[in-house]
Amino acid sequence: MINKHIKNSLLRIKVIPNASRTELKEVNGSLKLYLQAVPEKGKANQAVIKFFKKEYNLKVEIKSGSKSRDKVLRMI
């Protein structure tokens, strides 16, 4: 599902913290990552990185959007 969204090793997602469960959904052609983590002290950002490592065995870093819900991830 995420392969078609990766362009030049970059992945754009929208993060929704404080969700009832952690899951990745495709909504209107874009990816939304619902996280149980709270957006305090970088907890949601850490949860994004852990999610992609656990679910897709991808090592990612947040290229932009560390303080925003709209994020660009780079595959490393």
N, C-alpha and C. Protein backbone atom coordinates (compact mmCIF):
# COMPACT_ATOMS: atom_id res chain seq x y z
N MET A 1 0.82 -1.20 0.00
CA MET A 1 0.00 0.00 0.00
C MET A 1 0.86 1.26 0.00
N ILE A 2 1.95 1.26 0.76
CA ILE A 2 2.73 2.49 0.84
C ILE A 2 3.71 2.65 -0.32
N ASN A 3 4.00 1.57 -1.03
CA ASN A 3 4.99 1.64 -2.11
C ASN A 3 4.63 2.67 -3.17
N LYS A 4 3.37 2.80 -3.51
CA LYS A 4 2.98 3.76 -4.55
C LYS A 4 3.07 5.21 -4.06
N HIS A 5 3.20 5.41 -2.74
CA HIS A 5 3.30 6.76 -2.19
C HIS A 5 4.74 7.21 -1.99
N ILE A 6 5.69 6.29 -2.10
CA ILE A 6 7.10 6.64 -1.92
C ILE A 6 7.65 7.17 -3.23
N LYS A 7 8.18 8.39 -3.19
CA LYS A 7 8.77 9.03 -4.37
C LYS A 7 10.14 9.57 -3.98
N ASN A 8 11.18 9.13 -4.69
CA ASN A 8 12.55 9.58 -4.40
C ASN A 8 12.92 9.36 -2.94
N SER A 9 12.57 8.22 -2.40
CA SER A 9 12.84 7.85 -1.00
C SER A 9 12.11 8.74 -0.01
N LEU A 10 11.09 9.46 -0.44
CA LEU A 10 10.31 10.33 0.45
C LEU A 10 8.86 9.85 0.52
N LEU A 11 8.29 9.99 1.67
CA LEU A 11 6.91 9.59 1.90
C LEU A 11 6.20 10.70 2.65
N ARG A 12 5.09 11.17 2.10
CA ARG A 12 4.29 12.22 2.75
C ARG A 12 3.12 11.56 3.48
N ILE A 13 2.97 11.92 4.74
CA ILE A 13 1.87 11.39 5.54
C ILE A 13 1.25 12.50 6.37
N LYS A 14 0.04 12.26 6.81
CA LYS A 14 -0.62 13.13 7.79
C LYS A 14 -0.78 12.28 9.04
N VAL A 15 -0.34 12.83 10.16
CA VAL A 15 -0.39 12.10 11.42
C VAL A 15 -1.53 12.63 12.27
N ILE A 16 -2.33 11.71 12.80
CA ILE A 16 -3.42 12.07 13.68
C ILE A 16 -3.13 11.42 15.04
N PRO A 17 -2.63 12.22 16.00
CA PRO A 17 -2.33 11.67 17.33
C PRO A 17 -3.59 11.49 18.17
N ASN A 18 -3.44 10.82 19.30
CA ASN A 18 -4.54 10.56 20.25
C ASN A 18 -5.66 9.74 19.64
N ALA A 19 -5.35 8.87 18.70
CA ALA A 19 -6.37 8.01 18.09
C ALA A 19 -6.65 6.82 19.01
N SER A 20 -7.75 6.15 18.78
CA SER A 20 -8.08 5.00 19.62
C SER A 20 -7.16 3.81 19.35
N ARG A 21 -6.62 3.73 18.13
CA ARG A 21 -5.64 2.68 17.82
C ARG A 21 -4.66 3.19 16.77
N THR A 22 -3.53 2.53 16.71
CA THR A 22 -2.50 2.92 15.76
C THR A 22 -2.71 2.14 14.47
N GLU A 23 -2.92 2.87 13.37
CA GLU A 23 -3.10 2.23 12.07
C GLU A 23 -2.85 3.23 10.95
N LEU A 24 -2.45 2.69 9.80
CA LEU A 24 -2.20 3.49 8.60
C LEU A 24 -3.35 3.26 7.63
N LYS A 25 -3.94 4.36 7.14
CA LYS A 25 -5.05 4.25 6.19
C LYS A 25 -4.77 5.14 4.99
N GLU A 26 -5.30 4.71 3.85
CA GLU A 26 -5.26 5.55 2.66
C GLU A 26 -6.61 6.24 2.55
N VAL A 27 -6.60 7.57 2.58
CA VAL A 27 -7.84 8.35 2.54
C VAL A 27 -7.71 9.36 1.41
N ASN A 28 -8.60 9.24 0.42
CA ASN A 28 -8.61 10.15 -0.73
C ASN A 28 -7.24 10.26 -1.41
N GLY A 29 -6.56 9.14 -1.54
CA GLY A 29 -5.28 9.11 -2.24
C GLY A 29 -4.08 9.53 -1.42
N SER A 30 -4.26 9.86 -0.15
CA SER A 30 -3.12 10.21 0.69
C SER A 30 -3.11 9.31 1.93
N LEU A 31 -1.95 9.23 2.56
CA LEU A 31 -1.81 8.35 3.72
C LEU A 31 -2.04 9.12 5.01
N LYS A 32 -2.81 8.50 5.90
CA LYS A 32 -3.02 9.05 7.24
C LYS A 32 -2.60 7.99 8.24
N LEU A 33 -1.76 8.40 9.18
CA LEU A 33 -1.30 7.51 10.23
C LEU A 33 -1.95 7.93 11.53
N TYR A 34 -2.84 7.09 12.02
CA TYR A 34 -3.51 7.33 13.28
C TYR A 34 -2.65 6.72 14.38
N LEU A 35 -2.31 7.53 15.39
CA LEU A 35 -1.43 7.08 16.47
C LEU A 35 -2.12 7.21 17.81
N GLN A 36 -1.87 6.25 18.68
CA GLN A 36 -2.34 6.35 20.04
C GLN A 36 -1.48 7.34 20.84
N ALA A 37 -0.27 7.60 20.37
CA ALA A 37 0.66 8.47 21.08
C ALA A 37 0.15 9.91 21.14
N VAL A 38 0.58 10.60 22.17
CA VAL A 38 0.21 12.00 22.32
C VAL A 38 1.28 12.89 21.70
N PRO A 39 0.89 14.07 21.23
CA PRO A 39 1.88 14.96 20.60
C PRO A 39 2.62 15.82 21.62
N GLU A 40 3.24 15.18 22.60
CA GLU A 40 3.99 15.89 23.63
C GLU A 40 5.41 15.37 23.69
N LYS A 41 6.36 16.28 23.75
CA LYS A 41 7.77 15.94 23.92
C LYS A 41 8.27 14.95 22.88
N GLY A 42 7.75 15.03 21.66
CA GLY A 42 8.23 14.18 20.57
C GLY A 42 7.74 12.74 20.60
N LYS A 43 6.79 12.44 21.47
CA LYS A 43 6.30 11.06 21.58
C LYS A 43 5.63 10.58 20.30
N ALA A 44 4.85 11.45 19.66
CA ALA A 44 4.19 11.06 18.42
C ALA A 44 5.22 10.84 17.31
N ASN A 45 6.25 11.68 17.24
CA ASN A 45 7.29 11.50 16.22
C ASN A 45 8.03 10.18 16.43
N GLN A 46 8.33 9.85 17.66
CA GLN A 46 8.98 8.57 17.95
C GLN A 46 8.07 7.40 17.56
N ALA A 47 6.78 7.56 17.79
CA ALA A 47 5.82 6.51 17.44
C ALA A 47 5.74 6.32 15.93
N VAL A 48 5.87 7.40 15.16
CA VAL A 48 5.88 7.29 13.69
C VAL A 48 7.06 6.42 13.24
N ILE A 49 8.23 6.72 13.76
CA ILE A 49 9.44 5.98 13.38
C ILE A 49 9.33 4.52 13.78
N LYS A 50 8.84 4.25 14.99
CA LYS A 50 8.68 2.88 15.46
C LYS A 50 7.64 2.12 14.63
N PHE A 51 6.57 2.80 14.25
CA PHE A 51 5.51 2.15 13.46
C PHE A 51 6.06 1.62 12.14
N PHE A 52 6.80 2.46 11.40
CA PHE A 52 7.31 2.03 10.10
C PHE A 52 8.37 0.96 10.24
N LYS A 53 9.14 0.98 11.31
CA LYS A 53 10.14 -0.06 11.54
C LYS A 53 9.45 -1.40 11.83
N LYS A 54 8.45 -1.36 12.69
CA LYS A 54 7.76 -2.59 13.11
C LYS A 54 6.88 -3.17 11.99
N GLU A 55 6.06 -2.33 11.38
CA GLU A 55 5.06 -2.82 10.42
C GLU A 55 5.61 -3.07 9.02
N TYR A 56 6.58 -2.26 8.59
CA TYR A 56 7.06 -2.36 7.21
C TYR A 56 8.56 -2.62 7.11
N ASN A 57 9.22 -2.78 8.26
CA ASN A 57 10.67 -3.00 8.30
C ASN A 57 11.41 -1.91 7.52
N LEU A 58 10.95 -0.67 7.66
CA LEU A 58 11.56 0.48 7.01
C LEU A 58 12.17 1.38 8.07
N LYS A 59 13.39 1.79 7.83
CA LYS A 59 14.02 2.76 8.71
C LYS A 59 13.77 4.14 8.12
N VAL A 60 13.08 4.98 8.87
CA VAL A 60 12.72 6.31 8.37
C VAL A 60 13.20 7.38 9.34
N GLU A 61 13.34 8.58 8.80
CA GLU A 61 13.58 9.75 9.63
C GLU A 61 12.63 10.83 9.18
N ILE A 62 12.31 11.73 10.08
CA ILE A 62 11.40 12.83 9.75
C ILE A 62 12.22 13.93 9.11
N LYS A 63 11.99 14.12 7.81
CA LYS A 63 12.73 15.14 7.06
C LYS A 63 12.16 16.51 7.33
N SER A 64 10.84 16.62 7.33
CA SER A 64 10.20 17.90 7.66
C SER A 64 8.86 17.63 8.33
N GLY A 65 8.42 18.60 9.11
CA GLY A 65 7.14 18.49 9.78
C GLY A 65 7.21 17.94 11.18
N SER A 66 8.34 18.07 11.84
CA SER A 66 8.45 17.51 13.18
C SER A 66 7.50 18.18 14.18
N LYS A 67 7.07 19.40 13.90
CA LYS A 67 6.11 20.10 14.76
C LYS A 67 4.73 20.21 14.11
N SER A 68 4.53 19.48 13.02
CA SER A 68 3.29 19.57 12.26
C SER A 68 2.66 18.19 12.12
N ARG A 69 1.40 18.15 11.79
CA ARG A 69 0.75 16.87 11.51
C ARG A 69 1.10 16.37 10.11
N ASP A 70 1.43 17.29 9.20
CA ASP A 70 1.86 16.92 7.85
C ASP A 70 3.36 16.70 7.88
N LYS A 71 3.78 15.48 7.58
CA LYS A 71 5.18 15.12 7.69
C LYS A 71 5.71 14.56 6.38
N VAL A 72 7.00 14.75 6.17
CA VAL A 72 7.71 14.11 5.07
C VAL A 72 8.76 13.21 5.69
N LEU A 73 8.67 11.93 5.38
CA LEU A 73 9.61 10.95 5.90
C LEU A 73 10.59 10.56 4.82
N ARG A 74 11.85 10.36 5.22
CA ARG A 74 12.87 9.90 4.28
C ARG A 74 13.29 8.51 4.69
N MET A 75 13.33 7.61 3.69
CA MET A 75 13.79 6.25 3.92
C MET A 75 15.32 6.26 4.01
N ILE A 76 15.85 5.62 5.06
CA ILE A 76 17.31 5.56 5.20
C ILE A 76 17.77 4.13 5.34
